[in-house]
N, C-alpha and C. Protein backbone atom coordinates (compact mmCIF):
# COMPACT_ATOMS: atom_id res chain seq x y z
N MET A 1 76.37 94.64 74.06
CA MET A 1 77.23 95.39 74.97
C MET A 1 76.75 96.84 75.02
N ILE A 2 76.63 97.34 76.22
CA ILE A 2 76.19 98.72 76.40
C ILE A 2 77.40 99.64 76.31
N ALA A 3 77.30 100.63 75.45
CA ALA A 3 78.39 101.58 75.27
C ALA A 3 78.29 102.71 76.28
N GLN A 4 79.39 103.39 76.47
CA GLN A 4 79.42 104.51 77.41
C GLN A 4 78.51 105.64 76.94
N GLN A 5 78.32 105.76 75.64
CA GLN A 5 77.46 106.80 75.12
C GLN A 5 76.01 106.61 75.56
N ASP A 6 75.59 105.37 75.74
CA ASP A 6 74.22 105.11 76.21
C ASP A 6 74.02 105.66 77.62
N PHE A 7 75.01 105.45 78.48
CA PHE A 7 74.92 106.00 79.82
C PHE A 7 74.90 107.53 79.79
N MET A 8 75.70 108.10 78.89
CA MET A 8 75.76 109.56 78.77
C MET A 8 74.42 110.12 78.28
N ILE A 9 73.78 109.45 77.35
CA ILE A 9 72.48 109.92 76.84
C ILE A 9 71.43 109.89 77.94
N VAL A 10 71.39 108.81 78.70
CA VAL A 10 70.44 108.72 79.82
C VAL A 10 70.74 109.80 80.85
N SER A 11 72.01 110.02 81.12
CA SER A 11 72.40 111.04 82.09
C SER A 11 72.00 112.44 81.63
N VAL A 12 72.21 112.73 80.36
CA VAL A 12 71.83 114.05 79.83
C VAL A 12 70.31 114.22 79.89
N LEU A 13 69.56 113.17 79.58
CA LEU A 13 68.11 113.25 79.66
C LEU A 13 67.65 113.51 81.10
N LEU A 14 68.22 112.78 82.06
CA LEU A 14 67.88 113.01 83.47
C LEU A 14 68.20 114.44 83.90
N PHE A 15 69.37 114.92 83.49
CA PHE A 15 69.77 116.27 83.88
C PHE A 15 68.83 117.31 83.28
N CYS A 16 68.47 117.14 82.01
CA CYS A 16 67.57 118.10 81.36
C CYS A 16 66.17 118.07 81.97
N ILE A 17 65.69 116.90 82.31
CA ILE A 17 64.38 116.80 82.96
C ILE A 17 64.42 117.49 84.32
N GLY A 18 65.48 117.26 85.08
CA GLY A 18 65.63 117.93 86.38
C GLY A 18 65.71 119.43 86.24
N LEU A 19 66.45 119.91 85.26
CA LEU A 19 66.55 121.35 85.03
C LEU A 19 65.21 121.95 84.63
N PHE A 20 64.46 121.24 83.79
CA PHE A 20 63.13 121.70 83.40
C PHE A 20 62.19 121.78 84.60
N ILE A 21 62.27 120.79 85.47
CA ILE A 21 61.42 120.80 86.67
C ILE A 21 61.77 121.99 87.56
N ILE A 22 63.06 122.26 87.74
CA ILE A 22 63.48 123.38 88.59
C ILE A 22 62.99 124.71 88.02
N VAL A 23 63.09 124.87 86.71
CA VAL A 23 62.73 126.14 86.09
C VAL A 23 61.22 126.34 86.04
N SER A 24 60.47 125.27 85.85
CA SER A 24 59.03 125.41 85.57
C SER A 24 58.12 125.27 86.79
N LYS A 25 58.55 124.62 87.83
CA LYS A 25 57.66 124.34 88.96
C LYS A 25 57.69 125.46 89.99
N LYS A 26 56.59 125.60 90.69
CA LYS A 26 56.46 126.62 91.73
C LYS A 26 56.36 126.01 93.13
N ASN A 27 56.50 124.72 93.23
CA ASN A 27 56.37 124.01 94.49
C ASN A 27 57.77 123.64 94.98
N ALA A 28 58.07 123.92 96.23
CA ALA A 28 59.41 123.66 96.76
C ALA A 28 59.77 122.18 96.73
N ILE A 29 58.81 121.31 96.95
CA ILE A 29 59.10 119.87 96.94
C ILE A 29 59.40 119.41 95.51
N GLN A 30 58.69 119.94 94.53
CA GLN A 30 58.97 119.58 93.14
C GLN A 30 60.33 120.11 92.70
N ILE A 31 60.71 121.28 93.19
CA ILE A 31 62.05 121.80 92.90
C ILE A 31 63.11 120.88 93.52
N LEU A 32 62.86 120.39 94.71
CA LEU A 32 63.78 119.46 95.36
C LEU A 32 63.90 118.16 94.55
N ILE A 33 62.79 117.69 93.99
CA ILE A 33 62.83 116.50 93.15
C ILE A 33 63.68 116.76 91.90
N GLY A 34 63.56 117.94 91.32
CA GLY A 34 64.38 118.29 90.17
C GLY A 34 65.86 118.30 90.50
N ILE A 35 66.21 118.82 91.67
CA ILE A 35 67.60 118.82 92.10
C ILE A 35 68.10 117.39 92.28
N GLU A 36 67.27 116.54 92.84
CA GLU A 36 67.66 115.14 93.01
C GLU A 36 67.87 114.44 91.67
N LEU A 37 67.05 114.74 90.68
CA LEU A 37 67.25 114.16 89.34
C LEU A 37 68.58 114.62 88.76
N MET A 38 68.92 115.87 88.96
CA MET A 38 70.20 116.37 88.45
C MET A 38 71.38 115.70 89.17
N LEU A 39 71.25 115.49 90.47
CA LEU A 39 72.30 114.78 91.21
C LEU A 39 72.41 113.33 90.75
N ASN A 40 71.28 112.69 90.47
CA ASN A 40 71.33 111.32 89.98
C ASN A 40 71.99 111.24 88.61
N ALA A 41 71.80 112.25 87.78
CA ALA A 41 72.48 112.28 86.49
C ALA A 41 73.99 112.36 86.68
N ALA A 42 74.43 113.19 87.61
CA ALA A 42 75.86 113.30 87.88
C ALA A 42 76.42 111.99 88.44
N ILE A 43 75.67 111.35 89.32
CA ILE A 43 76.11 110.08 89.89
C ILE A 43 76.18 109.00 88.82
N LEU A 44 75.23 109.00 87.90
CA LEU A 44 75.26 108.04 86.79
C LEU A 44 76.50 108.25 85.94
N ASN A 45 76.88 109.49 85.71
CA ASN A 45 78.11 109.77 84.96
C ASN A 45 79.33 109.22 85.70
N LEU A 46 79.38 109.43 87.00
CA LEU A 46 80.52 108.94 87.78
C LEU A 46 80.64 107.43 87.70
N VAL A 47 79.51 106.75 87.84
CA VAL A 47 79.53 105.29 87.79
C VAL A 47 79.88 104.80 86.39
N ALA A 48 79.34 105.47 85.37
CA ALA A 48 79.62 105.05 83.99
C ALA A 48 81.10 105.20 83.66
N PHE A 49 81.69 106.33 84.04
CA PHE A 49 83.12 106.50 83.77
C PHE A 49 83.96 105.55 84.61
N GLY A 50 83.53 105.27 85.82
CA GLY A 50 84.24 104.31 86.65
C GLY A 50 84.15 102.89 86.13
N LYS A 51 83.02 102.56 85.50
CA LYS A 51 82.84 101.20 84.95
C LYS A 51 83.79 100.95 83.77
N PHE A 52 84.01 101.97 82.98
CA PHE A 52 84.84 101.79 81.80
C PHE A 52 86.31 102.05 82.06
N ASP A 53 86.66 102.43 83.27
CA ASP A 53 88.05 102.58 83.67
C ASP A 53 88.36 101.48 84.67
N ARG A 54 88.83 100.36 84.19
CA ARG A 54 89.03 99.18 85.03
C ARG A 54 90.12 99.35 86.08
N ALA A 55 91.09 100.21 85.83
CA ALA A 55 92.23 100.34 86.74
C ALA A 55 91.91 101.18 87.97
N ASN A 56 90.84 101.97 87.92
CA ASN A 56 90.57 102.90 89.00
C ASN A 56 89.11 102.81 89.42
N ASN A 57 88.86 102.68 90.71
CA ASN A 57 87.49 102.64 91.23
C ASN A 57 87.06 103.97 91.82
N GLY A 58 87.74 105.03 91.44
CA GLY A 58 87.45 106.35 91.99
C GLY A 58 86.05 106.83 91.67
N GLY A 59 85.54 106.49 90.49
CA GLY A 59 84.20 106.92 90.10
C GLY A 59 83.14 106.34 91.01
N GLN A 60 83.25 105.05 91.32
CA GLN A 60 82.27 104.41 92.19
C GLN A 60 82.36 104.93 93.62
N VAL A 61 83.56 105.16 94.10
CA VAL A 61 83.74 105.66 95.46
C VAL A 61 83.19 107.08 95.57
N PHE A 62 83.49 107.91 94.58
CA PHE A 62 82.98 109.27 94.60
C PHE A 62 81.46 109.29 94.46
N ALA A 63 80.90 108.36 93.67
CA ALA A 63 79.45 108.25 93.54
C ALA A 63 78.80 107.87 94.86
N LEU A 64 79.44 106.98 95.61
CA LEU A 64 78.92 106.60 96.92
C LEU A 64 78.88 107.81 97.86
N PHE A 65 79.94 108.60 97.87
CA PHE A 65 79.94 109.82 98.69
C PHE A 65 78.87 110.80 98.21
N ALA A 66 78.66 110.89 96.91
CA ALA A 66 77.64 111.79 96.37
C ALA A 66 76.25 111.34 96.78
N ILE A 67 76.00 110.04 96.83
CA ILE A 67 74.70 109.52 97.25
C ILE A 67 74.45 109.85 98.72
N VAL A 68 75.47 109.68 99.56
CA VAL A 68 75.34 110.01 100.98
C VAL A 68 75.09 111.51 101.15
N LEU A 69 75.82 112.32 100.40
CA LEU A 69 75.63 113.77 100.47
C LEU A 69 74.23 114.17 99.99
N ALA A 70 73.74 113.53 98.95
CA ALA A 70 72.39 113.83 98.44
C ALA A 70 71.32 113.47 99.47
N ALA A 71 71.50 112.35 100.15
CA ALA A 71 70.54 111.96 101.18
C ALA A 71 70.53 112.94 102.34
N ALA A 72 71.71 113.38 102.77
CA ALA A 72 71.78 114.35 103.86
C ALA A 72 71.18 115.69 103.44
N THR A 73 71.46 116.11 102.22
CA THR A 73 70.91 117.36 101.71
C THR A 73 69.40 117.31 101.63
N THR A 74 68.86 116.18 101.20
CA THR A 74 67.41 116.03 101.11
C THR A 74 66.77 116.10 102.49
N ALA A 75 67.38 115.48 103.46
CA ALA A 75 66.82 115.52 104.82
C ALA A 75 66.80 116.95 105.36
N VAL A 76 67.88 117.69 105.15
CA VAL A 76 67.93 119.08 105.61
C VAL A 76 66.92 119.93 104.85
N ALA A 77 66.83 119.74 103.54
CA ALA A 77 65.90 120.53 102.73
C ALA A 77 64.45 120.26 103.13
N LEU A 78 64.11 119.00 103.39
CA LEU A 78 62.74 118.70 103.83
C LEU A 78 62.44 119.32 105.18
N ALA A 79 63.41 119.34 106.08
CA ALA A 79 63.20 120.00 107.37
C ALA A 79 62.98 121.50 107.19
N ILE A 80 63.73 122.11 106.30
CA ILE A 80 63.53 123.54 106.03
C ILE A 80 62.16 123.78 105.42
N ILE A 81 61.76 122.95 104.47
CA ILE A 81 60.45 123.10 103.83
C ILE A 81 59.33 122.95 104.84
N LEU A 82 59.44 122.00 105.75
CA LEU A 82 58.42 121.83 106.78
C LEU A 82 58.34 123.04 107.70
N ASN A 83 59.47 123.61 108.08
CA ASN A 83 59.45 124.80 108.92
C ASN A 83 58.89 126.01 108.19
N VAL A 84 59.21 126.15 106.91
CA VAL A 84 58.64 127.26 106.12
C VAL A 84 57.14 127.09 105.98
N TYR A 85 56.68 125.86 105.75
CA TYR A 85 55.24 125.63 105.63
C TYR A 85 54.53 125.93 106.96
N ARG A 86 55.15 125.54 108.05
CA ARG A 86 54.55 125.79 109.36
C ARG A 86 54.39 127.29 109.62
N ARG A 87 55.34 128.07 109.14
CA ARG A 87 55.28 129.52 109.40
C ARG A 87 54.41 130.27 108.39
N TYR A 88 54.53 129.95 107.09
CA TYR A 88 53.86 130.72 106.04
C TYR A 88 52.64 130.04 105.44
N LYS A 89 52.39 128.78 105.78
CA LYS A 89 51.25 128.00 105.28
C LYS A 89 51.27 127.83 103.76
N THR A 90 52.45 127.88 103.15
CA THR A 90 52.62 127.62 101.73
C THR A 90 54.04 127.14 101.49
N ILE A 91 54.21 126.38 100.40
CA ILE A 91 55.57 125.99 100.01
C ILE A 91 55.89 126.54 98.62
N ASN A 92 55.12 127.52 98.18
CA ASN A 92 55.38 128.20 96.92
C ASN A 92 56.47 129.24 97.15
N PRO A 93 57.65 129.08 96.54
CA PRO A 93 58.75 130.03 96.80
C PRO A 93 58.43 131.46 96.39
N ASP A 94 57.53 131.66 95.42
CA ASP A 94 57.19 133.02 94.99
C ASP A 94 56.37 133.77 96.02
N LYS A 95 55.63 133.05 96.84
CA LYS A 95 54.76 133.70 97.85
C LYS A 95 55.47 133.97 99.17
N ILE A 96 56.64 133.43 99.33
CA ILE A 96 57.41 133.64 100.56
C ILE A 96 58.34 134.80 100.30
N ASN A 97 57.96 136.00 100.74
CA ASN A 97 58.75 137.17 100.44
C ASN A 97 59.44 137.76 101.67
N GLN A 98 59.23 137.16 102.82
CA GLN A 98 59.84 137.67 104.03
C GLN A 98 60.39 136.50 104.82
N LEU A 99 61.72 136.45 104.97
CA LEU A 99 62.35 135.34 105.67
C LEU A 99 62.76 135.68 107.08
N ARG A 100 62.56 136.92 107.49
CA ARG A 100 62.86 137.27 108.88
C ARG A 100 61.77 138.22 109.36
N ASP A 101 61.69 138.36 110.67
CA ASP A 101 60.63 139.19 111.27
C ASP A 101 60.81 140.66 111.03
């Protein structure tokens, strides 16, 4: 039987890996991947708590909304990254120092 602590350990590992990627990478797409890992850790927590609470399915429902929100956020972020690359020819956030004309 899988205990709730196992899900929590995996979730903490995912969150820490995502945080490390965000702090250490200089590429906008890699930073976006780190954010997605952190969101997946939060979604795993929601599903884990919902699984062990038999009377309430709120965790799974909220996780479903979080997945839809993450997909929409990723689509918008990729569109922004493509427009920034088209204008500045780089996706390194440190080299983009001017966001308006």
